[in-house]
């Protein structure tokens, strides 16, 4: 009985070790930029950012849909309700099939 508990505990411990060793977040909470893994800390709240960006749009649902697509691809949304594309060059460079700017 005691042996089976020890085996289960060792298996659980062995499963946890890779999570502790290969975590991209260092002990002080700073993201380790040397790893190529995407971290949850680097993600942006696209819903909130696009709601703020599209709040004055005449077609808010269309604006949010286009903004959400751009945000997912670029992981950034320029501040304000228009312009400021220099803050996020990826967002500004996306175009439609017709060559028009995709992102609001």
PDB file of N, CA and C in Angstrom:
ATOM      1  N   UNK A   1       0.825  -1.192   0.000  1.00  0.00           N
ATOM      2  CA  UNK A   1       0.000   0.000   0.000  1.00  0.00           C
ATOM      3  C   UNK A   1       0.869   1.256   0.000  1.00  0.00           C
ATOM      4  N   UNK A   2       1.870   1.314   0.855  1.00  0.00           N
ATOM      5  CA  UNK A   2       2.761   2.460   0.941  1.00  0.00           C
ATOM      6  C   UNK A   2       3.593   2.589  -0.329  1.00  0.00           C
ATOM      7  N   UNK A   3       3.962   1.447  -0.918  1.00  0.00           N
ATOM      8  CA  UNK A   3       4.747   1.453  -2.144  1.00  0.00           C
ATOM      9  C   UNK A   3       3.984   2.087  -3.299  1.00  0.00           C
ATOM     10  N   UNK A   4       2.692   1.818  -3.435  1.00  0.00           N
ATOM     11  CA  UNK A   4       1.907   2.383  -4.528  1.00  0.00           C
ATOM     12  C   UNK A   4       1.762   3.899  -4.366  1.00  0.00           C
ATOM     13  N   UNK A   5       1.646   4.392  -3.153  1.00  0.00           N
ATOM     14  CA  UNK A   5       1.580   5.840  -2.923  1.00  0.00           C
ATOM     15  C   UNK A   5       2.895   6.508  -3.315  1.00  0.00           C
ATOM     16  N   UNK A   6       3.994   5.840  -3.002  1.00  0.00           N
ATOM     17  CA  UNK A   6       5.301   6.369  -3.352  1.00  0.00           C
ATOM     18  C   UNK A   6       5.480   6.427  -4.872  1.00  0.00           C
ATOM     19  N   UNK A   7       5.005   5.403  -5.566  1.00  0.00           N
ATOM     20  CA  UNK A   7       5.106   5.368  -7.026  1.00  0.00           C
ATOM     21  C   UNK A   7       4.258   6.481  -7.637  1.00  0.00           C
ATOM     22  N   UNK A   8       3.044   6.653  -7.148  1.00  0.00           N
ATOM     23  CA  UNK A   8       2.165   7.698  -7.663  1.00  0.00           C
ATOM     24  C   UNK A   8       2.769   9.079  -7.412  1.00  0.00           C
ATOM     25  N   UNK A   9       3.314   9.285  -6.225  1.00  0.00           N
ATOM     26  CA  UNK A   9       3.936  10.572  -5.899  1.00  0.00           C
ATOM     27  C   UNK A   9       5.140  10.846  -6.799  1.00  0.00           C
ATOM     28  N   UNK A  10       5.955   9.793  -7.078  1.00  0.00           N
ATOM     29  CA  UNK A  10       7.118  10.000  -7.935  1.00  0.00           C
ATOM     30  C   UNK A  10       6.719  10.303  -9.372  1.00  0.00           C
ATOM     31  N   UNK A  11       5.666   9.644  -9.862  1.00  0.00           N
ATOM     32  CA  UNK A  11       5.208   9.905 -11.226  1.00  0.00           C
ATOM     33  C   UNK A  11       4.694  11.343 -11.337  1.00  0.00           C
ATOM     34  N   UNK A  12       3.914  11.786 -10.355  1.00  0.00           N
ATOM     35  CA  UNK A  12       3.422  13.162 -10.372  1.00  0.00           C
ATOM     36  C   UNK A  12       4.565  14.168 -10.310  1.00  0.00           C
ATOM     37  N   UNK A  13       5.554  13.879  -9.510  1.00  0.00           N
ATOM     38  CA  UNK A  13       6.712  14.767  -9.400  1.00  0.00           C
ATOM     39  C   UNK A  13       7.476  14.822 -10.720  1.00  0.00           C
ATOM     40  N   UNK A  14       7.627  13.676 -11.379  1.00  0.00           N
ATOM     41  CA  UNK A  14       8.343  13.645 -12.664  1.00  0.00           C
ATOM     42  C   UNK A  14       7.579  14.415 -13.732  1.00  0.00           C
ATOM     43  N   UNK A  15       6.251  14.433 -13.642  1.00  0.00           N
ATOM     44  CA  UNK A  15       5.455  15.186 -14.608  1.00  0.00           C
ATOM     45  C   UNK A  15       5.576  16.683 -14.364  1.00  0.00           C
ATOM     46  N   UNK A  16       5.778  17.089 -13.138  1.00  0.00           N
ATOM     47  CA  UNK A  16       5.861  18.509 -12.800  1.00  0.00           C
ATOM     48  C   UNK A  16       7.234  19.105 -13.095  1.00  0.00           C
ATOM     49  N   UNK A  17       8.295  18.314 -13.079  1.00  0.00           N
ATOM     50  CA  UNK A  17       9.655  18.823 -13.241  1.00  0.00           C
ATOM     51  C   UNK A  17       9.834  19.567 -14.570  1.00  0.00           C
ATOM     52  N   UNK A  18       9.381  19.035 -15.725  1.00  0.00           N
ATOM     53  CA  UNK A  18       9.560  19.811 -16.964  1.00  0.00           C
ATOM     54  C   UNK A  18       8.847  21.158 -16.931  1.00  0.00           C
ATOM     55  N   UNK A  19       7.718  21.236 -16.255  1.00  0.00           N
ATOM     56  CA  UNK A  19       7.016  22.511 -16.166  1.00  0.00           C
ATOM     57  C   UNK A  19       7.807  23.525 -15.366  1.00  0.00           C
ATOM     58  N   UNK A  20       8.509  23.069 -14.365  1.00  0.00           N
ATOM     59  CA  UNK A  20       9.289  23.973 -13.531  1.00  0.00           C
ATOM     60  C   UNK A  20      10.605  24.357 -14.189  1.00  0.00           C
ATOM     61  N   UNK A  21      11.224  23.426 -14.898  1.00  0.00           N
ATOM     62  CA  UNK A  21      12.535  23.663 -15.487  1.00  0.00           C
ATOM     63  C   UNK A  21      12.453  24.523 -16.737  1.00  0.00           C
ATOM     64  N   UNK A  22      11.446  24.301 -17.594  1.00  0.00           N
ATOM     65  CA  UNK A  22      11.381  24.973 -18.872  1.00  0.00           C
ATOM     66  C   UNK A  22      10.434  26.157 -18.905  1.00  0.00           C
ATOM     67  N   UNK A  23      10.081  26.692 -17.771  1.00  0.00           N
ATOM     68  CA  UNK A  23       9.179  27.837 -17.715  1.00  0.00           C
ATOM     69  C   UNK A  23       9.899  29.084 -18.208  1.00  0.00           C
ATOM     70  N   UNK A  24       9.287  29.888 -19.119  1.00  0.00           N
ATOM     71  CA  UNK A  24       9.948  31.086 -19.625  1.00  0.00           C
ATOM     72  C   UNK A  24       9.969  32.246 -18.634  1.00  0.00           C
ATOM     73  N   UNK A  25       9.238  32.137 -17.535  1.00  0.00           N
ATOM     74  CA  UNK A  25       9.209  33.204 -16.545  1.00  0.00           C
ATOM     75  C   UNK A  25      10.249  32.917 -15.479  1.00  0.00           C
ATOM     76  N   UNK A  26      11.111  33.871 -15.227  1.00  0.00           N
ATOM     77  CA  UNK A  26      12.135  33.703 -14.211  1.00  0.00           C
ATOM     78  C   UNK A  26      11.551  33.931 -12.831  1.00  0.00           C
ATOM     79  N   UNK A  27      12.332  33.649 -11.802  1.00  0.00           N
ATOM     80  CA  UNK A  27      11.856  33.715 -10.424  1.00  0.00           C
ATOM     81  C   UNK A  27      11.374  35.109 -10.031  1.00  0.00           C
ATOM     82  N   UNK A  28      11.952  36.160 -10.608  1.00  0.00           N
ATOM     83  CA  UNK A  28      11.547  37.508 -10.244  1.00  0.00           C
ATOM     84  C   UNK A  28      10.350  38.012 -11.047  1.00  0.00           C
ATOM     85  N   UNK A  29       9.761  37.146 -11.894  1.00  0.00           N
ATOM     86  CA  UNK A  29       8.568  37.512 -12.635  1.00  0.00           C
ATOM     87  C   UNK A  29       8.844  38.154 -13.985  1.00  0.00           C
ATOM     88  N   UNK A  30      10.108  38.300 -14.358  1.00  0.00           N
ATOM     89  CA  UNK A  30      10.471  38.895 -15.634  1.00  0.00           C
ATOM     90  C   UNK A  30      10.488  37.790 -16.683  1.00  0.00           C
ATOM     91  N   UNK A  31       9.945  38.067 -17.849  1.00  0.00           N
ATOM     92  CA  UNK A  31       9.917  37.083 -18.918  1.00  0.00           C
ATOM     93  C   UNK A  31      11.318  36.929 -19.481  1.00  0.00           C
ATOM     94  N   UNK A  32      11.745  35.682 -19.648  1.00  0.00           N
ATOM     95  CA  UNK A  32      13.042  35.389 -20.213  1.00  0.00           C
ATOM     96  C   UNK A  32      12.952  35.555 -21.724  1.00  0.00           C
ATOM     97  N   UNK A  33      13.565  36.577 -22.283  1.00  0.00           N
ATOM     98  CA  UNK A  33      13.476  36.888 -23.708  1.00  0.00           C
ATOM     99  C   UNK A  33      14.348  35.960 -24.552  1.00  0.00           C
ATOM    100  N   UNK A  34      15.178  35.099 -23.927  1.00  0.00           N
ATOM    101  CA  UNK A  34      16.033  34.200 -24.677  1.00  0.00           C
ATOM    102  C   UNK A  34      15.267  33.005 -25.221  1.00  0.00           C
ATOM    103  N   UNK A  35      14.093  32.713 -24.705  1.00  0.00           N
ATOM    104  CA  UNK A  35      13.322  31.575 -25.184  1.00  0.00           C
ATOM    105  C   UNK A  35      12.465  31.992 -26.360  1.00  0.00           C
ATOM    106  N   UNK A  36      12.165  31.043 -27.221  1.00  0.00           N
ATOM    107  CA  UNK A  36      11.342  31.317 -28.396  1.00  0.00           C
ATOM    108  C   UNK A  36       9.879  30.992 -28.140  1.00  0.00           C
ATOM    109  N   UNK A  37       9.524  30.663 -26.913  1.00  0.00           N
ATOM    110  CA  UNK A  37       8.155  30.299 -26.587  1.00  0.00           C
ATOM    111  C   UNK A  37       7.335  31.552 -26.322  1.00  0.00           C
ATOM    112  N   UNK A  38       6.100  31.559 -26.812  1.00  0.00           N
ATOM    113  CA  UNK A  38       5.197  32.674 -26.536  1.00  0.00           C
ATOM    114  C   UNK A  38       4.733  32.569 -25.087  1.00  0.00           C
ATOM    115  N   UNK A  39       4.748  33.649 -24.397  1.00  0.00           N
ATOM    116  CA  UNK A  39       4.351  33.681 -22.999  1.00  0.00           C
ATOM    117  C   UNK A  39       2.977  34.319 -22.872  1.00  0.00           C
ATOM    118  N   UNK A  40       2.253  33.912 -21.859  1.00  0.00           N
ATOM    119  CA  UNK A  40       0.956  34.518 -21.612  1.00  0.00           C
ATOM    120  C   UNK A  40       1.092  35.993 -21.251  1.00  0.00           C
ATOM    121  N   UNK A  41       2.267  36.368 -20.730  1.00  0.00           N
ATOM    122  CA  UNK A  41       2.484  37.759 -20.360  1.00  0.00           C
ATOM    123  C   UNK A  41       2.617  38.656 -21.593  1.00  0.00           C
ATOM    124  N   UNK A  42       2.989  38.075 -22.749  1.00  0.00           N
ATOM    125  CA  UNK A  42       3.170  38.855 -23.960  1.00  0.00           C
ATOM    126  C   UNK A  42       1.863  39.054 -24.731  1.00  0.00           C
ATOM    127  N   UNK A  43       0.805  38.377 -24.345  1.00  0.00           N
ATOM    128  CA  UNK A  43      -0.463  38.454 -25.065  1.00  0.00           C
ATOM    129  C   UNK A  43      -1.182  39.757 -24.750  1.00  0.00           C
ATOM    130  N   UNK A  44      -1.960  40.239 -25.722  1.00  0.00           N
ATOM    131  CA  UNK A  44      -2.718  41.474 -25.568  1.00  0.00           C
ATOM    132  C   UNK A  44      -4.201  41.111 -25.498  1.00  0.00           C
ATOM    133  N   UNK A  45      -4.968  41.904 -24.785  1.00  0.00           N
ATOM    134  CA  UNK A  45      -6.415  41.727 -24.724  1.00  0.00           C
ATOM    135  C   UNK A  45      -7.000  42.372 -25.974  1.00  0.00           C
ATOM    136  N   UNK A  46      -7.132  41.588 -27.035  1.00  0.00           N
ATOM    137  CA  UNK A  46      -7.602  42.131 -28.319  1.00  0.00           C
ATOM    138  C   UNK A  46      -9.030  42.648 -28.221  1.00  0.00           C
ATOM    139  N   UNK A  47      -9.875  41.962 -27.460  1.00  0.00           N
ATOM    140  CA  UNK A  47     -11.262  42.411 -27.332  1.00  0.00           C
ATOM    141  C   UNK A  47     -11.357  43.802 -26.734  1.00  0.00           C
ATOM    142  N   UNK A  48     -10.641  44.032 -25.640  1.00  0.00           N
ATOM    143  CA  UNK A  48     -10.661  45.336 -24.983  1.00  0.00           C
ATOM    144  C   UNK A  48     -10.002  46.418 -25.815  1.00  0.00           C
ATOM    145  N   UNK A  49      -8.868  46.064 -26.450  1.00  0.00           N
ATOM    146  CA  UNK A  49      -8.158  47.045 -27.268  1.00  0.00           C
ATOM    147  C   UNK A  49      -8.991  47.452 -28.483  1.00  0.00           C
ATOM    148  N   UNK A  50      -9.680  46.480 -29.095  1.00  0.00           N
ATOM    149  CA  UNK A  50     -10.485  46.792 -30.279  1.00  0.00           C
ATOM    150  C   UNK A  50     -11.774  47.518 -29.909  1.00  0.00           C
ATOM    151  N   UNK A  51     -12.320  47.223 -28.736  1.00  0.00           N
ATOM    152  CA  UNK A  51     -13.496  47.966 -28.276  1.00  0.00           C
ATOM    153  C   UNK A  51     -13.138  49.440 -28.112  1.00  0.00           C
ATOM    154  N   UNK A  52     -11.980  49.706 -27.526  1.00  0.00           N
ATOM    155  CA  UNK A  52     -11.531  51.089 -27.357  1.00  0.00           C
ATOM    156  C   UNK A  52     -11.242  51.742 -28.702  1.00  0.00           C
ATOM    157  N   UNK A  53     -10.625  50.993 -29.616  1.00  0.00           N
ATOM    158  CA  UNK A  53     -10.270  51.536 -30.935  1.00  0.00           C
ATOM    159  C   UNK A  53     -11.517  51.853 -31.761  1.00  0.00           C
ATOM    160  N   UNK A  54     -12.553  51.039 -31.636  1.00  0.00           N
ATOM    161  CA  UNK A  54     -13.737  51.160 -32.491  1.00  0.00           C
ATOM    162  C   UNK A  54     -14.918  51.854 -31.826  1.00  0.00           C
ATOM    163  N   UNK A  55     -14.738  52.452 -30.670  1.00  0.00           N
ATOM    164  CA  UNK A  55     -15.879  53.010 -29.926  1.00  0.00           C
ATOM    165  C   UNK A  55     -16.570  54.163 -30.651  1.00  0.00           C
ATOM    166  N   UNK A  56     -15.881  54.883 -31.533  1.00  0.00           N
ATOM    167  CA  UNK A  56     -16.496  55.992 -32.258  1.00  0.00           C
ATOM    168  C   UNK A  56     -16.831  55.644 -33.710  1.00  0.00           C
ATOM    169  N   UNK A  57     -16.629  54.402 -34.089  1.00  0.00           N
ATOM    170  CA  UNK A  57     -16.868  53.991 -35.474  1.00  0.00           C
ATOM    171  C   UNK A  57     -18.354  54.028 -35.815  1.00  0.00           C
ATOM    172  N   UNK A  58     -18.668  54.343 -37.072  1.00  0.00           N
ATOM    173  CA  UNK A  58     -20.060  54.320 -37.513  1.00  0.00           C
ATOM    174  C   UNK A  58     -20.541  52.881 -37.708  1.00  0.00           C
ATOM    175  N   UNK A  59     -19.607  51.944 -37.879  1.00  0.00           N
ATOM    176  CA  UNK A  59     -19.933  50.529 -38.024  1.00  0.00           C
ATOM    177  C   UNK A  59     -19.100  49.740 -37.023  1.00  0.00           C
ATOM    178  N   UNK A  60     -19.457  49.779 -35.738  1.00  0.00           N
ATOM    179  CA  UNK A  60     -18.610  49.193 -34.693  1.00  0.00           C
ATOM    180  C   UNK A  60     -18.397  47.684 -34.808  1.00  0.00           C
ATOM    181  N   UNK A  61     -19.395  46.929 -35.241  1.00  0.00           N
ATOM    182  CA  UNK A  61     -19.213  45.477 -35.357  1.00  0.00           C
ATOM    183  C   UNK A  61     -18.209  45.131 -36.443  1.00  0.00           C
ATOM    184  N   UNK A  62     -18.298  45.799 -37.576  1.00  0.00           N
ATOM    185  CA  UNK A  62     -17.347  45.583 -38.667  1.00  0.00           C
ATOM    186  C   UNK A  62     -15.943  46.009 -38.237  1.00  0.00           C
ATOM    187  N   UNK A  63     -15.867  47.136 -37.564  1.00  0.00           N
ATOM    188  CA  UNK A  63     -14.589  47.658 -37.082  1.00  0.00           C
ATOM    189  C   UNK A  63     -13.938  46.679 -36.099  1.00  0.00           C
ATOM    190  N   UNK A  64     -14.716  46.173 -35.146  1.00  0.00           N
ATOM    191  CA  UNK A  64     -14.179  45.234 -34.149  1.00  0.00           C
ATOM    192  C   UNK A  64     -13.725  43.932 -34.789  1.00  0.00           C
ATOM    193  N   UNK A  65     -14.467  43.461 -35.793  1.00  0.00           N
ATOM    194  CA  UNK A  65     -14.078  42.214 -36.468  1.00  0.00           C
ATOM    195  C   UNK A  65     -12.746  42.395 -37.194  1.00  0.00           C
ATOM    196  N   UNK A  66     -12.599  43.472 -37.939  1.00  0.00           N
ATOM    197  CA  UNK A  66     -11.354  43.726 -38.659  1.00  0.00           C
ATOM    198  C   UNK A  66     -10.205  43.983 -37.684  1.00  0.00           C
ATOM    199  N   UNK A  67     -10.466  44.753 -36.669  1.00  0.00           N
ATOM    200  CA  UNK A  67      -9.449  45.051 -35.654  1.00  0.00           C
ATOM    201  C   UNK A  67      -9.007  43.772 -34.944  1.00  0.00           C
ATOM    202  N   UNK A  68      -9.962  42.902 -34.619  1.00  0.00           N
ATOM    203  CA  UNK A  68      -9.641  41.646 -33.941  1.00  0.00           C
ATOM    204  C   UNK A  68      -8.730  40.763 -34.771  1.00  0.00           C
ATOM    205  N   UNK A  69      -8.987  40.685 -36.079  1.00  0.00           N
ATOM    206  CA  UNK A  69      -8.132  39.911 -36.976  1.00  0.00           C
ATOM    207  C   UNK A  69      -6.721  40.484 -36.997  1.00  0.00           C
ATOM    208  N   UNK A  70      -6.634  41.788 -37.115  1.00  0.00           N
ATOM    209  CA  UNK A  70      -5.321  42.451 -37.148  1.00  0.00           C
ATOM    210  C   UNK A  70      -4.585  42.283 -35.827  1.00  0.00           C
ATOM    211  N   UNK A  71      -5.303  42.387 -34.730  1.00  0.00           N
ATOM    212  CA  UNK A  71      -4.712  42.253 -33.409  1.00  0.00           C
ATOM    213  C   UNK A  71      -4.159  40.844 -33.193  1.00  0.00           C
ATOM    214  N   UNK A  72      -4.912  39.836 -33.632  1.00  0.00           N
ATOM    215  CA  UNK A  72      -4.445  38.456 -33.490  1.00  0.00           C
ATOM    216  C   UNK A  72      -3.161  38.232 -34.281  1.00  0.00           C
ATOM    217  N   UNK A  73      -3.063  38.814 -35.455  1.00  0.00           N
ATOM    218  CA  UNK A  73      -1.874  38.625 -36.296  1.00  0.00           C
ATOM    219  C   UNK A  73      -0.675  39.411 -35.791  1.00  0.00           C
ATOM    220  N   UNK A  74      -0.921  40.613 -35.274  1.00  0.00           N
ATOM    221  CA  UNK A  74       0.190  41.510 -34.920  1.00  0.00           C
ATOM    222  C   UNK A  74       0.462  41.616 -33.422  1.00  0.00           C
ATOM    223  N   UNK A  75      -0.473  41.194 -32.595  1.00  0.00           N
ATOM    224  CA  UNK A  75      -0.365  41.309 -31.132  1.00  0.00           C
ATOM    225  C   UNK A  75      -0.204  42.755 -30.676  1.00  0.00           C
ATOM    226  N   UNK A  76      -0.802  43.671 -31.406  1.00  0.00           N
ATOM    227  CA  UNK A  76      -0.817  45.071 -30.980  1.00  0.00           C
ATOM    228  C   UNK A  76      -1.949  45.804 -31.684  1.00  0.00           C
ATOM    229  N   UNK A  77      -2.404  46.865 -31.037  1.00  0.00           N
ATOM    230  CA  UNK A  77      -3.429  47.755 -31.592  1.00  0.00           C
ATOM    231  C   UNK A  77      -2.976  49.172 -31.264  1.00  0.00           C
ATOM    232  N   UNK A  78      -2.924  50.063 -32.263  1.00  0.00           N
ATOM    233  CA  UNK A  78      -2.512  51.437 -31.980  1.00  0.00           C
ATOM    234  C   UNK A  78      -3.476  52.114 -30.997  1.00  0.00           C
ATOM    235  N   UNK A  79      -2.979  53.004 -30.161  1.00  0.00           N
ATOM    236  CA  UNK A  79      -3.848  53.698 -29.213  1.00  0.00           C
ATOM    237  C   UNK A  79      -4.752  54.697 -29.908  1.00  0.00           C
ATOM    238  N   UNK A  80      -5.822  55.072 -29.256  1.00  0.00           N
ATOM    239  CA  UNK A  80      -6.744  56.057 -29.817  1.00  0.00           C
ATOM    240  C   UNK A  80      -7.773  55.408 -30.717  1.00  0.00           C
ATOM    241  N   UNK A  81      -8.622  56.234 -31.303  1.00  0.00           N
ATOM    242  CA  UNK A  81      -9.696  55.724 -32.151  1.00  0.00           C
ATOM    243  C   UNK A  81      -9.341  55.759 -33.629  1.00  0.00           C
ATOM    244  N   UNK A  82      -8.258  56.413 -34.006  1.00  0.00           N
ATOM    245  CA  UNK A  82      -7.819  56.462 -35.403  1.00  0.00           C
ATOM    246  C   UNK A  82      -6.353  56.869 -35.453  1.00  0.00           C
ATOM    247  N   UNK A  83      -5.716  56.545 -36.567  1.00  0.00           N
ATOM    248  CA  UNK A  83      -4.323  56.956 -36.756  1.00  0.00           C
ATOM    249  C   UNK A  83      -3.370  56.225 -35.839  1.00  0.00           C
ATOM    250  N   UNK A  84      -2.259  56.850 -35.507  1.00  0.00           N
ATOM    251  CA  UNK A  84      -1.217  56.314 -34.640  1.00  0.00           C
ATOM    252  C   UNK A  84      -0.633  55.001 -35.161  1.00  0.00           C
ATOM    253  N   UNK A  85      -0.617  54.826 -36.482  1.00  0.00           N
ATOM    254  CA  UNK A  85      -0.131  53.576 -37.056  1.00  0.00           C
ATOM    255  C   UNK A  85       1.367  53.378 -36.855  1.00  0.00           C
ATOM    256  N   UNK A  86       2.105  54.449 -36.574  1.00  0.00           N
ATOM    257  CA  UNK A  86       3.543  54.324 -36.364  1.00  0.00           C
ATOM    258  C   UNK A  86       3.871  53.511 -35.120  1.00  0.00           C
ATOM    259  N   UNK A  87       2.931  53.402 -34.179  1.00  0.00           N
ATOM    260  CA  UNK A  87       3.142  52.636 -32.948  1.00  0.00           C
ATOM    261  C   UNK A  87       3.155  51.141 -33.248  1.00  0.00           C
ATOM    262  N   UNK A  88       2.406  50.719 -34.251  1.00  0.00           N
ATOM    263  CA  UNK A  88       2.275  49.306 -34.584  1.00  0.00           C
ATOM    264  C   UNK A  88       2.396  49.125 -36.099  1.00  0.00           C
ATOM    265  N   UNK A  89       3.617  49.028 -36.635  1.00  0.00           N
ATOM    266  CA  UNK A  89       3.813  48.940 -38.085  1.00  0.00           C
ATOM    267  C   UNK A  89       3.156  47.711 -38.720  1.00  0.00           C
ATOM    268  N   UNK A  90       3.131  46.593 -38.018  1.00  0.00           N
ATOM    269  CA  UNK A  90       2.497  45.381 -38.544  1.00  0.00           C
ATOM    270  C   UNK A  90       1.012  45.633 -38.780  1.00  0.00           C
ATOM    271  N   UNK A  91       0.365  46.259 -37.827  1.00  0.00           N
ATOM    272  CA  UNK A  91      -1.065  46.576 -37.911  1.00  0.00           C
ATOM    273  C   UNK A  91      -1.339  47.469 -39.113  1.00  0.00           C
ATOM    274  N   UNK A  92      -0.448  48.412 -39.355  1.00  0.00           N
ATOM    275  CA  UNK A  92      -0.622  49.358 -40.454  1.00  0.00           C
ATOM    276  C   UNK A  92      -0.339  48.732 -41.814  1.00  0.00           C
ATOM    277  N   UNK A  93       0.453  47.671 -41.866  1.00  0.00           N
ATOM    278  CA  UNK A  93       0.868  47.102 -43.149  1.00  0.00           C
ATOM    279  C   UNK A  93      -0.117  46.075 -43.715  1.00  0.00           C
ATOM    280  N   UNK A  94      -1.070  45.603 -42.917  1.00  0.00           N
ATOM    281  CA  UNK A  94      -2.018  44.611 -43.417  1.00  0.00           C
ATOM    282  C   UNK A  94      -3.009  45.270 -44.372  1.00  0.00           C
ATOM    283  N   UNK A  95      -3.226  44.618 -45.531  1.00  0.00           N
ATOM    284  CA  UNK A  95      -4.134  45.176 -46.539  1.00  0.00           C
ATOM    285  C   UNK A  95      -5.150  44.129 -46.986  1.00  0.00           C
ATOM    286  N   UNK A  96      -6.232  44.599 -47.596  1.00  0.00           N
ATOM    287  CA  UNK A  96      -7.252  43.721 -48.155  1.00  0.00           C
ATOM    288  C   UNK A  96      -6.781  43.232 -49.521  1.00  0.00           C
ATOM    289  N   UNK A  97      -7.570  42.364 -50.156  1.00  0.00           N
ATOM    290  CA  UNK A  97      -7.227  41.885 -51.497  1.00  0.00           C
ATOM    291  C   UNK A  97      -7.217  43.035 -52.503  1.00  0.00           C
ATOM    292  N   UNK A  98      -7.977  44.069 -52.227  1.00  0.00           N
ATOM    293  CA  UNK A  98      -8.020  45.232 -53.120  1.00  0.00           C
ATOM    294  C   UNK A  98      -6.919  46.239 -52.874  1.00  0.00           C
ATOM    295  N   UNK A  99      -6.045  45.972 -51.917  1.00  0.00           N
ATOM    296  CA  UNK A  99      -4.929  46.870 -51.625  1.00  0.00           C
ATOM    297  C   UNK A  99      -5.240  47.978 -50.643  1.00  0.00           C
ATOM    298  N   UNK A 100      -6.451  47.979 -50.089  1.00  0.00           N
ATOM    299  CA  UNK A 100      -6.813  49.000 -49.093  1.00  0.00           C
ATOM    300  C   UNK A 100      -6.375  48.541 -47.708  1.00  0.00           C
ATOM    301  N   UNK A 101      -6.212  49.489 -46.810  1.00  0.00           N
ATOM    302  CA  UNK A 101      -5.808  49.176 -45.444  1.00  0.00           C
ATOM    303  C   UNK A 101      -6.895  48.316 -44.769  1.00  0.00           C
ATOM    304  N   UNK A 102      -6.487  47.178 -44.201  1.00  0.00           N
ATOM    305  CA  UNK A 102      -7.422  46.260 -43.583  1.00  0.00           C
ATOM    306  C   UNK A 102      -7.821  46.701 -42.176  1.00  0.00           C
ATOM    307  N   UNK A 103      -6.870  47.217 -41.441  1.00  0.00           N
ATOM    308  CA  UNK A 103      -7.063  47.475 -40.017  1.00  0.00           C
ATOM    309  C   UNK A 103      -7.561  48.897 -39.766  1.00  0.00           C
ATOM    310  N   UNK A 104      -8.602  49.029 -38.956  1.00  0.00           N
ATOM    311  CA  UNK A 104      -9.168  50.361 -38.667  1.00  0.00           C
ATOM    312  C   UNK A 104      -8.274  51.195 -37.758  1.00  0.00           C
TER     313      UNK A 104
END
